[in-house]
Amino acid sequence: MSIITALARPLLAAPFIASGVDAVRNAPDHVETVERVNPTLEQVGVGALSAGTITTLTRAVGAVRIVAGVGMALGKKPRVAALTLAATELAIGAVKNPVWLSEGDERKQHLAGIVGSIGLAGGALVAAGDRRGKPSLGWRLENNRAHKEDLHALADDYELRLDEQKAKLEEKIAKAKEKAKS
């Protein structure tokens, strides 16, 4: 792992871990924020969430963010952790910043908040794309197929050469046998 990656991962994970800790510790404080989007949830067919459900979900998502953030910071399954953080950040950003429900200055604040969430999610996606110098699975599969084709071509070439050598040897043996008979 490069020095930059070793520094960047914990720095990127810090806001996710901090928000996760806040969500676990202060889950009831988040109820009002989520209740603002209850009408939207009803419109999309999910149904309104009760205060108890919101508190439970907030704690669960907070715990997931803590675990994924620590995993990314320590380099333990960093790609899975980063994808998890990106997904949770987009969902939380939409809930915390309901641009579609606000107007004026509040809308500008929500827009700035959602742009910040998109930026954090983008950073997490960049981290998810880091393969530590290893090529992608798709590249390795294609490379393996290409090498198989090359190996088959070599095998066919060697088989052809062996057949030619065999024919020459059989010809020499036949001449030697004729010579021995005469």
C-alpha atoms as a PDB file:
ATOM      1  CA  MET A   1       0.000   0.000   0.000  1.00  0.00           C
ATOM      2  CA  SER A   2       1.345   3.413  -0.886  1.00  0.00           C
ATOM      3  CA  ILE A   3       1.946   6.108   1.701  1.00  0.00           C
ATOM      4  CA  ILE A   4      -0.784   8.260   0.167  1.00  0.00           C
ATOM      5  CA  THR A   5      -3.317   5.429   0.378  1.00  0.00           C
ATOM      6  CA  ALA A   6      -2.272   4.668   3.956  1.00  0.00           C
ATOM      7  CA  LEU A   7      -2.938   8.314   4.842  1.00  0.00           C
ATOM      8  CA  ALA A   8      -6.013   8.874   2.690  1.00  0.00           C
ATOM      9  CA  ARG A   9      -8.098   5.920   3.834  1.00  0.00           C
ATOM     10  CA  PRO A  10      -8.271   6.913   7.525  1.00  0.00           C
ATOM     11  CA  LEU A  11      -8.824  10.552   6.583  1.00  0.00           C
ATOM     12  CA  LEU A  12     -11.710   9.610   4.307  1.00  0.00           C
ATOM     13  CA  ALA A  13     -13.124   7.195   6.888  1.00  0.00           C
ATOM     14  CA  ALA A  14     -13.098   9.758   9.731  1.00  0.00           C
ATOM     15  CA  PRO A  15     -16.317  11.631   8.832  1.00  0.00           C
ATOM     16  CA  PHE A  16     -18.168   8.359   8.291  1.00  0.00           C
ATOM     17  CA  ILE A  17     -17.030   6.996  11.660  1.00  0.00           C
ATOM     18  CA  ALA A  18     -17.873  10.277  13.424  1.00  0.00           C
ATOM     19  CA  SER A  19     -21.391  10.380  11.957  1.00  0.00           C
ATOM     20  CA  GLY A  20     -21.857   6.701  12.829  1.00  0.00           C
ATOM     21  CA  VAL A  21     -20.860   7.312  16.445  1.00  0.00           C
ATOM     22  CA  ASP A  22     -23.247  10.278  16.600  1.00  0.00           C
ATOM     23  CA  ALA A  23     -26.072   8.180  15.150  1.00  0.00           C
ATOM     24  CA  VAL A  24     -25.525   5.394  17.692  1.00  0.00           C
ATOM     25  CA  ARG A  25     -25.179   7.730  20.678  1.00  0.00           C
ATOM     26  CA  ASN A  26     -27.862  10.280  19.769  1.00  0.00           C
ATOM     27  CA  ALA A  27     -30.352   8.279  17.703  1.00  0.00           C
ATOM     28  CA  PRO A  28     -33.446  10.023  19.151  1.00  0.00           C
ATOM     29  CA  ASP A  29     -32.054  13.368  17.933  1.00  0.00           C
ATOM     30  CA  HIS A  30     -32.335  12.128  14.352  1.00  0.00           C
ATOM     31  CA  VAL A  31     -36.035  11.272  14.532  1.00  0.00           C
ATOM     32  CA  GLU A  32     -37.219  14.758  13.515  1.00  0.00           C
ATOM     33  CA  THR A  33     -34.877  14.797  10.510  1.00  0.00           C
ATOM     34  CA  VAL A  34     -36.210  11.496   9.192  1.00  0.00           C
ATOM     35  CA  GLU A  35     -39.839  12.346   9.952  1.00  0.00           C
ATOM     36  CA  ARG A  36     -39.582  15.228   7.422  1.00  0.00           C
ATOM     37  CA  VAL A  37     -39.323  12.689   4.612  1.00  0.00           C
ATOM     38  CA  ASN A  38     -42.186  10.475   5.852  1.00  0.00           C
ATOM     39  CA  PRO A  39     -44.605  12.004   3.288  1.00  0.00           C
ATOM     40  CA  THR A  40     -42.132  11.160   0.530  1.00  0.00           C
ATOM     41  CA  LEU A  41     -41.777   7.610   1.865  1.00  0.00           C
ATOM     42  CA  GLU A  42     -45.564   7.254   1.777  1.00  0.00           C
ATOM     43  CA  GLN A  43     -45.669   8.516  -1.815  1.00  0.00           C
ATOM     44  CA  VAL A  44     -43.158   5.897  -2.960  1.00  0.00           C
ATOM     45  CA  GLY A  45     -45.080   3.160  -1.162  1.00  0.00           C
ATOM     46  CA  VAL A  46     -42.749   2.507   1.781  1.00  0.00           C
ATOM     47  CA  GLY A  47     -45.067   3.998   4.385  1.00  0.00           C
ATOM     48  CA  ALA A  48     -44.323   6.379   7.239  1.00  0.00           C
ATOM     49  CA  LEU A  49     -41.783   5.306   9.836  1.00  0.00           C
ATOM     50  CA  SER A  50     -42.547   5.513  13.557  1.00  0.00           C
ATOM     51  CA  ALA A  51     -40.177   7.226  16.003  1.00  0.00           C
ATOM     52  CA  GLY A  52     -39.112   3.856  17.426  1.00  0.00           C
ATOM     53  CA  THR A  53     -38.358   2.451  13.979  1.00  0.00           C
ATOM     54  CA  ILE A  54     -36.399   5.554  13.044  1.00  0.00           C
ATOM     55  CA  THR A  55     -34.339   5.300  16.253  1.00  0.00           C
ATOM     56  CA  THR A  56     -33.587   1.631  15.617  1.00  0.00           C
ATOM     57  CA  LEU A  57     -32.698   2.202  11.956  1.00  0.00           C
ATOM     58  CA  THR A  58     -30.512   5.183  12.886  1.00  0.00           C
ATOM     59  CA  ARG A  59     -28.551   3.094  15.387  1.00  0.00           C
ATOM     60  CA  ALA A  60     -28.226   0.197  12.928  1.00  0.00           C
ATOM     61  CA  VAL A  61     -27.004   2.415  10.082  1.00  0.00           C
ATOM     62  CA  GLY A  62     -24.670   4.197  12.508  1.00  0.00           C
ATOM     63  CA  ALA A  63     -23.171   0.878  13.607  1.00  0.00           C
ATOM     64  CA  VAL A  64     -22.729  -0.185   9.970  1.00  0.00           C
ATOM     65  CA  ARG A  65     -20.950   3.108   9.219  1.00  0.00           C
ATOM     66  CA  ILE A  66     -18.645   2.671  12.225  1.00  0.00           C
ATOM     67  CA  VAL A  67     -17.693  -0.878  11.250  1.00  0.00           C
ATOM     68  CA  ALA A  68     -17.262  -0.019   7.559  1.00  0.00           C
ATOM     69  CA  GLY A  69     -15.325   3.162   8.390  1.00  0.00           C
ATOM     70  CA  VAL A  70     -12.933   1.338  10.703  1.00  0.00           C
ATOM     71  CA  GLY A  71     -12.554  -1.418   8.101  1.00  0.00           C
ATOM     72  CA  MET A  72     -11.677   1.098   5.421  1.00  0.00           C
ATOM     73  CA  ALA A  73      -9.310   3.008   7.723  1.00  0.00           C
ATOM     74  CA  LEU A  74      -7.455  -0.185   8.679  1.00  0.00           C
ATOM     75  CA  GLY A  75      -7.496  -1.651   5.175  1.00  0.00           C
ATOM     76  CA  LYS A  76      -9.678  -4.643   6.139  1.00  0.00           C
ATOM     77  CA  LYS A  77     -11.926  -5.408   3.173  1.00  0.00           C
ATOM     78  CA  PRO A  78     -11.503  -1.780   2.095  1.00  0.00           C
ATOM     79  CA  ARG A  79     -13.427  -2.119  -1.167  1.00  0.00           C
ATOM     80  CA  VAL A  80     -16.520  -3.608   0.478  1.00  0.00           C
ATOM     81  CA  ALA A  81     -16.267  -1.062   3.292  1.00  0.00           C
ATOM     82  CA  ALA A  82     -15.975   1.833   0.860  1.00  0.00           C
ATOM     83  CA  LEU A  83     -18.970   0.664  -1.203  1.00  0.00           C
ATOM     84  CA  THR A  84     -21.005   0.323   1.993  1.00  0.00           C
ATOM     85  CA  LEU A  85     -20.036   3.822   3.093  1.00  0.00           C
ATOM     86  CA  ALA A  86     -20.883   5.283  -0.319  1.00  0.00           C
ATOM     87  CA  ALA A  87     -24.333   3.660  -0.315  1.00  0.00           C
ATOM     88  CA  THR A  88     -25.146   4.771   3.219  1.00  0.00           C
ATOM     89  CA  GLU A  89     -23.879   8.293   2.538  1.00  0.00           C
ATOM     90  CA  LEU A  90     -26.143   8.716  -0.486  1.00  0.00           C
ATOM     91  CA  ALA A  91     -29.177   7.504   1.467  1.00  0.00           C
ATOM     92  CA  ILE A  92     -28.399   9.633   4.515  1.00  0.00           C
ATOM     93  CA  GLY A  93     -27.612  12.649   2.351  1.00  0.00           C
ATOM     94  CA  ALA A  94     -31.020  12.390   0.702  1.00  0.00           C
ATOM     95  CA  VAL A  95     -32.781  12.091   4.077  1.00  0.00           C
ATOM     96  CA  LYS A  96     -30.842  14.918   5.750  1.00  0.00           C
ATOM     97  CA  ASN A  97     -31.139  17.256   2.775  1.00  0.00           C
ATOM     98  CA  PRO A  98     -34.614  16.961   1.241  1.00  0.00           C
ATOM     99  CA  VAL A  99     -34.118  19.555  -1.483  1.00  0.00           C
ATOM    100  CA  TRP A 100     -37.506  18.695  -2.977  1.00  0.00           C
ATOM    101  CA  LEU A 101     -39.283  19.752   0.270  1.00  0.00           C
ATOM    102  CA  SER A 102     -37.555  23.099   0.809  1.00  0.00           C
ATOM    103  CA  GLU A 103     -37.439  26.586  -0.687  1.00  0.00           C
ATOM    104  CA  GLY A 104     -35.235  29.680  -0.556  1.00  0.00           C
ATOM    105  CA  ASP A 105     -32.239  29.699   1.791  1.00  0.00           C
ATOM    106  CA  GLU A 106     -33.185  26.333   3.279  1.00  0.00           C
ATOM    107  CA  ARG A 107     -33.094  24.841  -0.220  1.00  0.00           C
ATOM    108  CA  LYS A 108     -29.610  26.295  -0.777  1.00  0.00           C
ATOM    109  CA  GLN A 109     -28.426  24.747   2.503  1.00  0.00           C
ATOM    110  CA  HIS A 110     -29.920  21.396   1.585  1.00  0.00           C
ATOM    111  CA  LEU A 111     -28.389  21.589  -1.865  1.00  0.00           C
ATOM    112  CA  ALA A 112     -24.960  22.306  -0.348  1.00  0.00           C
ATOM    113  CA  GLY A 113     -25.458  19.397   2.051  1.00  0.00           C
ATOM    114  CA  ILE A 114     -26.429  16.977  -0.681  1.00  0.00           C
ATOM    115  CA  VAL A 115     -23.457  18.070  -2.803  1.00  0.00           C
ATOM    116  CA  GLY A 116     -21.195  17.395   0.191  1.00  0.00           C
ATOM    117  CA  SER A 117     -22.738  13.956   0.610  1.00  0.00           C
ATOM    118  CA  ILE A 118     -22.244  13.231  -3.077  1.00  0.00           C
ATOM    119  CA  GLY A 119     -18.595  14.297  -2.720  1.00  0.00           C
ATOM    120  CA  LEU A 120     -18.046  11.960   0.240  1.00  0.00           C
ATOM    121  CA  ALA A 121     -19.756   9.130  -1.615  1.00  0.00           C
ATOM    122  CA  GLY A 122     -17.547   9.848  -4.639  1.00  0.00           C
ATOM    123  CA  GLY A 123     -14.432   9.682  -2.479  1.00  0.00           C
ATOM    124  CA  ALA A 124     -15.607   6.361  -1.065  1.00  0.00           C
ATOM    125  CA  LEU A 125     -16.221   5.064  -4.596  1.00  0.00           C
ATOM    126  CA  VAL A 126     -12.691   6.068  -5.607  1.00  0.00           C
ATOM    127  CA  ALA A 127     -11.411   4.151  -2.589  1.00  0.00           C
ATOM    128  CA  ALA A 128     -13.582   1.180  -3.617  1.00  0.00           C
ATOM    129  CA  GLY A 129     -11.908   1.203  -7.039  1.00  0.00           C
ATOM    130  CA  ASP A 130      -8.420   0.913  -5.520  1.00  0.00           C
ATOM    131  CA  ARG A 131      -7.203  -2.604  -6.206  1.00  0.00           C
ATOM    132  CA  ARG A 132      -3.774  -2.116  -4.599  1.00  0.00           C
ATOM    133  CA  GLY A 133      -2.064  -2.456  -7.948  1.00  0.00           C
ATOM    134  CA  LYS A 134      -3.824  -5.677  -8.870  1.00  0.00           C
ATOM    135  CA  PRO A 135      -5.625  -5.774 -12.200  1.00  0.00           C
ATOM    136  CA  SER A 136      -9.391  -6.054 -12.260  1.00  0.00           C
ATOM    137  CA  LEU A 137     -11.164  -9.390 -12.398  1.00  0.00           C
ATOM    138  CA  GLY A 138     -12.379  -8.618 -15.924  1.00  0.00           C
ATOM    139  CA  TRP A 139      -8.850  -7.914 -17.138  1.00  0.00           C
ATOM    140  CA  ARG A 140      -7.510 -11.096 -15.514  1.00  0.00           C
ATOM    141  CA  LEU A 141     -10.271 -13.178 -17.105  1.00  0.00           C
ATOM    142  CA  GLU A 142      -9.642 -11.693 -20.556  1.00  0.00           C
ATOM    143  CA  ASN A 143      -5.878 -12.110 -20.126  1.00  0.00           C
ATOM    144  CA  ASN A 144      -6.379 -15.743 -19.095  1.00  0.00           C
ATOM    145  CA  ARG A 145      -8.508 -16.377 -22.188  1.00  0.00           C
ATOM    146  CA  ALA A 146      -5.876 -14.765 -24.421  1.00  0.00           C
ATOM    147  CA  HIS A 147      -3.136 -16.886 -22.884  1.00  0.00           C
ATOM    148  CA  LYS A 148      -5.224 -20.027 -23.332  1.00  0.00           C
ATOM    149  CA  GLU A 149      -5.613 -19.191 -27.014  1.00  0.00           C
ATOM    150  CA  ASP A 150      -1.846 -18.618 -27.279  1.00  0.00           C
ATOM    151  CA  LEU A 151      -1.137 -21.911 -25.519  1.00  0.00           C
ATOM    152  CA  HIS A 152      -3.532 -23.774 -27.815  1.00  0.00           C
ATOM    153  CA  ALA A 153      -1.828 -22.244 -30.857  1.00  0.00           C
ATOM    154  CA  LEU A 154       1.599 -23.274 -29.504  1.00  0.00           C
ATOM    155  CA  ALA A 155       0.351 -26.786 -28.767  1.00  0.00           C
ATOM    156  CA  ASP A 156      -1.044 -27.075 -32.300  1.00  0.00           C
ATOM    157  CA  ASP A 157       2.295 -25.839 -33.719  1.00  0.00           C
ATOM    158  CA  TYR A 158       4.304 -28.333 -31.644  1.00  0.00           C
ATOM    159  CA  GLU A 159       1.969 -31.140 -32.647  1.00  0.00           C
ATOM    160  CA  LEU A 160       2.452 -30.261 -36.308  1.00  0.00           C
ATOM    161  CA  ARG A 161       6.248 -30.196 -35.879  1.00  0.00           C
ATOM    162  CA  LEU A 162       6.182 -33.506 -34.029  1.00  0.00           C
ATOM    163  CA  ASP A 163       4.120 -35.049 -36.813  1.00  0.00           C
ATOM    164  CA  GLU A 164       6.673 -33.778 -39.363  1.00  0.00           C
ATOM    165  CA  GLN A 165       9.572 -35.155 -37.287  1.00  0.00           C
ATOM    166  CA  LYS A 166       7.735 -38.465 -36.874  1.00  0.00           C
ATOM    167  CA  ALA A 167       7.168 -38.702 -40.635  1.00  0.00           C
ATOM    168  CA  LYS A 168      10.879 -38.005 -41.295  1.00  0.00           C
ATOM    169  CA  LEU A 169      11.953 -40.618 -38.749  1.00  0.00           C
ATOM    170  CA  GLU A 170       9.548 -43.196 -40.157  1.00  0.00           C
ATOM    171  CA  GLU A 171      10.970 -42.453 -43.602  1.00  0.00           C
ATOM    172  CA  LYS A 172      14.548 -42.923 -42.319  1.00  0.00           C
ATOM    173  CA  ILE A 173      13.581 -46.156 -40.546  1.00  0.00           C
ATOM    174  CA  ALA A 174      11.927 -47.474 -43.687  1.00  0.00           C
ATOM    175  CA  LYS A 175      15.076 -46.634 -45.726  1.00  0.00           C
ATOM    176  CA  ALA A 176      17.271 -48.266 -43.092  1.00  0.00           C
ATOM    177  CA  LYS A 177      15.128 -51.421 -43.160  1.00  0.00           C
ATOM    178  CA  GLU A 178      15.313 -51.546 -46.983  1.00  0.00           C
ATOM    179  CA  LYS A 179      19.030 -51.080 -46.837  1.00  0.00           C
ATOM    180  CA  ALA A 180      19.337 -53.832 -44.259  1.00  0.00           C
ATOM    181  CA  LYS A 181      17.347 -56.238 -46.452  1.00  0.00           C
ATOM    182  CA  SER A 182      19.530 -55.672 -49.462  1.00  0.00           C
END
